[in-house]
Amino acid sequence: MNDSNRDLLVLSSTDHLTEEEMDRQVLLLNKLLYEIETWNTFNTVNEIININRHKIIRKPHLVEKELREKRIKPFVFTCNKN
């Protein structure tokens, strides 16, 4: 697993967690995010809107292909499907 450093803001409505319990919760959250934050997931939940060609690309492998392009194209946007 990649132990990348990240800043997480964890808000809790209770003060009954000890520091060890809070550290454990942050560790579990970090593991969860590591598993979810993949190219496959990113490509599935986003789409490419190409204004130049009047196209919306939704297929994950084509989204990845567009995002890996070396040249930045004007009026091509990445949009979350949410």
N, C-alpha and C. Protein backbone atom coordinates (compact mmCIF):
# COMPACT_ATOMS: atom_id res chain seq x y z
N MET A 1 0.84 -1.18 0.00
CA MET A 1 0.00 0.00 0.00
C MET A 1 0.88 1.24 0.00
N ASN A 2 0.46 2.22 -0.72
CA ASN A 2 1.18 3.48 -0.79
C ASN A 2 0.84 4.32 0.43
N ASP A 3 1.84 4.65 1.23
CA ASP A 3 1.62 5.47 2.43
C ASP A 3 1.82 6.94 2.09
N SER A 4 1.07 7.42 1.14
CA SER A 4 1.20 8.82 0.77
C SER A 4 0.65 9.70 1.89
N ASN A 5 1.27 10.83 2.03
CA ASN A 5 0.85 11.79 3.04
C ASN A 5 -0.34 12.56 2.49
N ARG A 6 -1.38 12.64 3.26
CA ARG A 6 -2.54 13.43 2.86
C ARG A 6 -3.10 14.12 4.08
N ASP A 7 -3.76 15.22 3.84
CA ASP A 7 -4.41 15.95 4.91
C ASP A 7 -5.89 15.58 4.92
N LEU A 8 -6.33 15.07 6.03
CA LEU A 8 -7.73 14.71 6.19
C LEU A 8 -8.32 15.53 7.33
N LEU A 9 -9.47 16.05 7.09
CA LEU A 9 -10.21 16.77 8.12
C LEU A 9 -11.35 15.86 8.56
N VAL A 10 -11.29 15.41 9.80
CA VAL A 10 -12.30 14.50 10.33
C VAL A 10 -13.10 15.25 11.38
N LEU A 11 -14.37 15.41 11.11
CA LEU A 11 -15.26 16.10 12.04
C LEU A 11 -16.08 15.06 12.79
N SER A 12 -16.13 15.21 14.08
CA SER A 12 -16.86 14.26 14.89
C SER A 12 -17.77 15.03 15.85
N SER A 13 -18.98 14.52 16.04
CA SER A 13 -19.90 15.20 16.96
C SER A 13 -19.75 14.72 18.39
N THR A 14 -18.87 13.75 18.58
CA THR A 14 -18.67 13.22 19.94
C THR A 14 -17.21 13.40 20.35
N ASP A 15 -17.02 13.62 21.63
CA ASP A 15 -15.67 13.77 22.17
C ASP A 15 -15.21 12.53 22.93
N HIS A 16 -15.95 11.46 22.83
CA HIS A 16 -15.62 10.28 23.63
C HIS A 16 -14.53 9.41 23.01
N LEU A 17 -14.05 9.73 21.81
CA LEU A 17 -12.99 8.95 21.19
C LEU A 17 -11.64 9.33 21.78
N THR A 18 -10.88 8.31 22.10
CA THR A 18 -9.52 8.57 22.57
C THR A 18 -8.65 8.87 21.35
N GLU A 19 -7.44 9.29 21.60
CA GLU A 19 -6.53 9.61 20.50
C GLU A 19 -6.20 8.35 19.68
N GLU A 20 -6.05 7.22 20.36
CA GLU A 20 -5.78 5.96 19.66
C GLU A 20 -6.95 5.55 18.77
N GLU A 21 -8.16 5.72 19.28
CA GLU A 21 -9.34 5.38 18.47
C GLU A 21 -9.46 6.29 17.26
N MET A 22 -9.18 7.57 17.47
CA MET A 22 -9.24 8.51 16.36
C MET A 22 -8.17 8.18 15.31
N ASP A 23 -6.97 7.83 15.75
CA ASP A 23 -5.91 7.43 14.83
C ASP A 23 -6.32 6.19 14.03
N ARG A 24 -6.98 5.27 14.70
CA ARG A 24 -7.45 4.05 14.02
C ARG A 24 -8.52 4.40 12.97
N GLN A 25 -9.43 5.30 13.31
CA GLN A 25 -10.45 5.72 12.36
C GLN A 25 -9.83 6.40 11.14
N VAL A 26 -8.83 7.23 11.37
CA VAL A 26 -8.16 7.92 10.27
C VAL A 26 -7.41 6.90 9.40
N LEU A 27 -6.78 5.92 10.02
CA LEU A 27 -6.08 4.88 9.27
C LEU A 27 -7.05 4.09 8.39
N LEU A 28 -8.21 3.73 8.95
CA LEU A 28 -9.22 3.00 8.17
C LEU A 28 -9.77 3.85 7.03
N LEU A 29 -9.97 5.12 7.29
CA LEU A 29 -10.44 6.04 6.25
C LEU A 29 -9.40 6.17 5.14
N ASN A 30 -8.16 6.23 5.52
CA ASN A 30 -7.07 6.32 4.56
C ASN A 30 -7.01 5.06 3.69
N LYS A 31 -7.18 3.89 4.30
CA LYS A 31 -7.21 2.64 3.55
C LYS A 31 -8.37 2.60 2.57
N LEU A 32 -9.53 3.04 3.03
CA LEU A 32 -10.71 3.08 2.17
C LEU A 32 -10.49 3.99 0.98
N LEU A 33 -9.96 5.18 1.21
CA LEU A 33 -9.71 6.12 0.12
C LEU A 33 -8.66 5.59 -0.85
N TYR A 34 -7.67 4.88 -0.33
CA TYR A 34 -6.64 4.31 -1.20
C TYR A 34 -7.25 3.28 -2.16
N GLU A 35 -8.18 2.49 -1.67
CA GLU A 35 -8.82 1.48 -2.51
C GLU A 35 -9.76 2.10 -3.53
N ILE A 36 -10.39 3.19 -3.20
CA ILE A 36 -11.39 3.80 -4.07
C ILE A 36 -10.77 4.74 -5.10
N GLU A 37 -9.71 5.42 -4.73
CA GLU A 37 -9.10 6.41 -5.62
C GLU A 37 -8.21 5.73 -6.66
N THR A 38 -8.83 5.15 -7.66
CA THR A 38 -8.10 4.49 -8.74
C THR A 38 -8.53 5.10 -10.07
N TRP A 39 -7.73 4.84 -11.10
CA TRP A 39 -8.07 5.34 -12.43
C TRP A 39 -9.40 4.78 -12.88
N ASN A 40 -9.63 3.51 -12.63
CA ASN A 40 -10.86 2.87 -13.08
C ASN A 40 -12.08 3.55 -12.46
N THR A 41 -12.03 3.80 -11.17
CA THR A 41 -13.14 4.48 -10.50
C THR A 41 -13.31 5.90 -11.00
N PHE A 42 -12.21 6.60 -11.15
CA PHE A 42 -12.27 7.98 -11.63
C PHE A 42 -12.89 8.05 -13.02
N ASN A 43 -12.49 7.14 -13.90
CA ASN A 43 -13.01 7.13 -15.26
C ASN A 43 -14.47 6.72 -15.31
N THR A 44 -14.91 5.95 -14.35
CA THR A 44 -16.30 5.51 -14.33
C THR A 44 -17.23 6.63 -13.86
N VAL A 45 -16.79 7.43 -12.92
CA VAL A 45 -17.66 8.46 -12.34
C VAL A 45 -17.54 9.83 -13.00
N ASN A 46 -16.67 9.93 -14.01
CA ASN A 46 -16.52 11.19 -14.74
C ASN A 46 -16.80 10.99 -16.21
N GLU A 47 -17.06 12.09 -16.88
CA GLU A 47 -17.26 12.06 -18.33
C GLU A 47 -16.51 13.24 -18.93
N ILE A 48 -16.25 13.13 -20.22
CA ILE A 48 -15.56 14.19 -20.94
C ILE A 48 -16.58 14.90 -21.83
N ILE A 49 -16.64 16.20 -21.70
CA ILE A 49 -17.52 17.00 -22.56
C ILE A 49 -16.63 17.76 -23.53
N ASN A 50 -16.77 17.41 -24.80
CA ASN A 50 -15.98 18.03 -25.84
C ASN A 50 -16.88 18.99 -26.61
N ILE A 51 -16.71 20.27 -26.36
CA ILE A 51 -17.53 21.29 -27.00
C ILE A 51 -17.19 21.41 -28.48
N ASN A 52 -15.93 21.20 -28.83
CA ASN A 52 -15.49 21.31 -30.22
C ASN A 52 -16.22 20.31 -31.12
N ARG A 53 -16.38 19.09 -30.64
CA ARG A 53 -16.99 18.03 -31.45
C ARG A 53 -18.46 17.77 -31.09
N HIS A 54 -18.97 18.54 -30.13
CA HIS A 54 -20.35 18.37 -29.66
C HIS A 54 -20.58 16.93 -29.21
N LYS A 55 -19.66 16.44 -28.36
CA LYS A 55 -19.69 15.06 -27.92
C LYS A 55 -19.54 14.96 -26.41
N ILE A 56 -20.17 13.94 -25.85
CA ILE A 56 -19.96 13.60 -24.45
C ILE A 56 -19.45 12.16 -24.43
N ILE A 57 -18.28 11.97 -23.84
CA ILE A 57 -17.65 10.64 -23.78
C ILE A 57 -17.89 10.08 -22.39
N ARG A 58 -18.54 8.92 -22.33
CA ARG A 58 -18.88 8.31 -21.05
C ARG A 58 -18.19 6.96 -20.81
N LYS A 59 -17.71 6.32 -21.83
CA LYS A 59 -17.07 5.00 -21.68
C LYS A 59 -15.75 5.17 -20.95
N PRO A 60 -15.55 4.40 -19.88
CA PRO A 60 -14.35 4.59 -19.04
C PRO A 60 -13.03 4.51 -19.80
N HIS A 61 -12.89 3.58 -20.73
CA HIS A 61 -11.61 3.46 -21.44
C HIS A 61 -11.38 4.66 -22.37
N LEU A 62 -12.44 5.24 -22.90
CA LEU A 62 -12.28 6.43 -23.74
C LEU A 62 -12.03 7.69 -22.90
N VAL A 63 -12.62 7.73 -21.72
CA VAL A 63 -12.35 8.85 -20.79
C VAL A 63 -10.88 8.85 -20.42
N GLU A 64 -10.35 7.68 -20.10
CA GLU A 64 -8.94 7.58 -19.73
C GLU A 64 -8.05 7.97 -20.91
N LYS A 65 -8.41 7.54 -22.09
CA LYS A 65 -7.63 7.88 -23.28
C LYS A 65 -7.57 9.40 -23.47
N GLU A 66 -8.69 10.07 -23.31
CA GLU A 66 -8.73 11.54 -23.45
C GLU A 66 -7.90 12.22 -22.35
N LEU A 67 -7.97 11.69 -21.14
CA LEU A 67 -7.25 12.32 -20.03
C LEU A 67 -5.74 12.11 -20.12
N ARG A 68 -5.32 11.06 -20.76
CA ARG A 68 -3.89 10.78 -20.89
C ARG A 68 -3.24 11.49 -22.07
N GLU A 69 -4.01 12.23 -22.82
CA GLU A 69 -3.47 13.00 -23.94
C GLU A 69 -2.40 13.98 -23.43
N LYS A 70 -1.33 14.09 -24.17
CA LYS A 70 -0.24 14.99 -23.78
C LYS A 70 -0.62 16.46 -24.02
N ARG A 71 -1.34 16.69 -25.08
CA ARG A 71 -1.69 18.05 -25.47
C ARG A 71 -3.02 18.44 -24.83
N ILE A 72 -3.08 19.60 -24.24
CA ILE A 72 -4.31 20.10 -23.63
C ILE A 72 -5.13 20.77 -24.72
N LYS A 73 -6.37 20.32 -24.86
CA LYS A 73 -7.24 20.86 -25.90
C LYS A 73 -8.20 21.88 -25.29
N PRO A 74 -8.44 22.97 -26.02
CA PRO A 74 -9.41 23.95 -25.51
C PRO A 74 -10.84 23.42 -25.62
N PHE A 75 -11.65 23.82 -24.69
CA PHE A 75 -13.08 23.48 -24.66
C PHE A 75 -13.35 21.99 -24.54
N VAL A 76 -12.47 21.29 -23.84
CA VAL A 76 -12.70 19.89 -23.50
C VAL A 76 -12.66 19.83 -21.98
N PHE A 77 -13.77 19.40 -21.38
CA PHE A 77 -13.94 19.46 -19.94
C PHE A 77 -14.16 18.10 -19.34
N THR A 78 -13.66 17.92 -18.12
CA THR A 78 -13.96 16.73 -17.34
C THR A 78 -15.05 17.11 -16.37
N CYS A 79 -16.10 16.31 -16.35
CA CYS A 79 -17.26 16.63 -15.53
C CYS A 79 -17.66 15.40 -14.73
N ASN A 80 -17.97 15.60 -13.46
CA ASN A 80 -18.42 14.51 -12.63
C ASN A 80 -19.88 14.19 -12.95
N LYS A 81 -20.20 12.91 -13.00
CA LYS A 81 -21.56 12.49 -13.34
C LYS A 81 -22.54 12.67 -12.17
N ASN A 82 -22.05 13.09 -11.06
CA ASN A 82 -22.87 13.21 -9.87
C ASN A 82 -23.99 14.15 -10.10
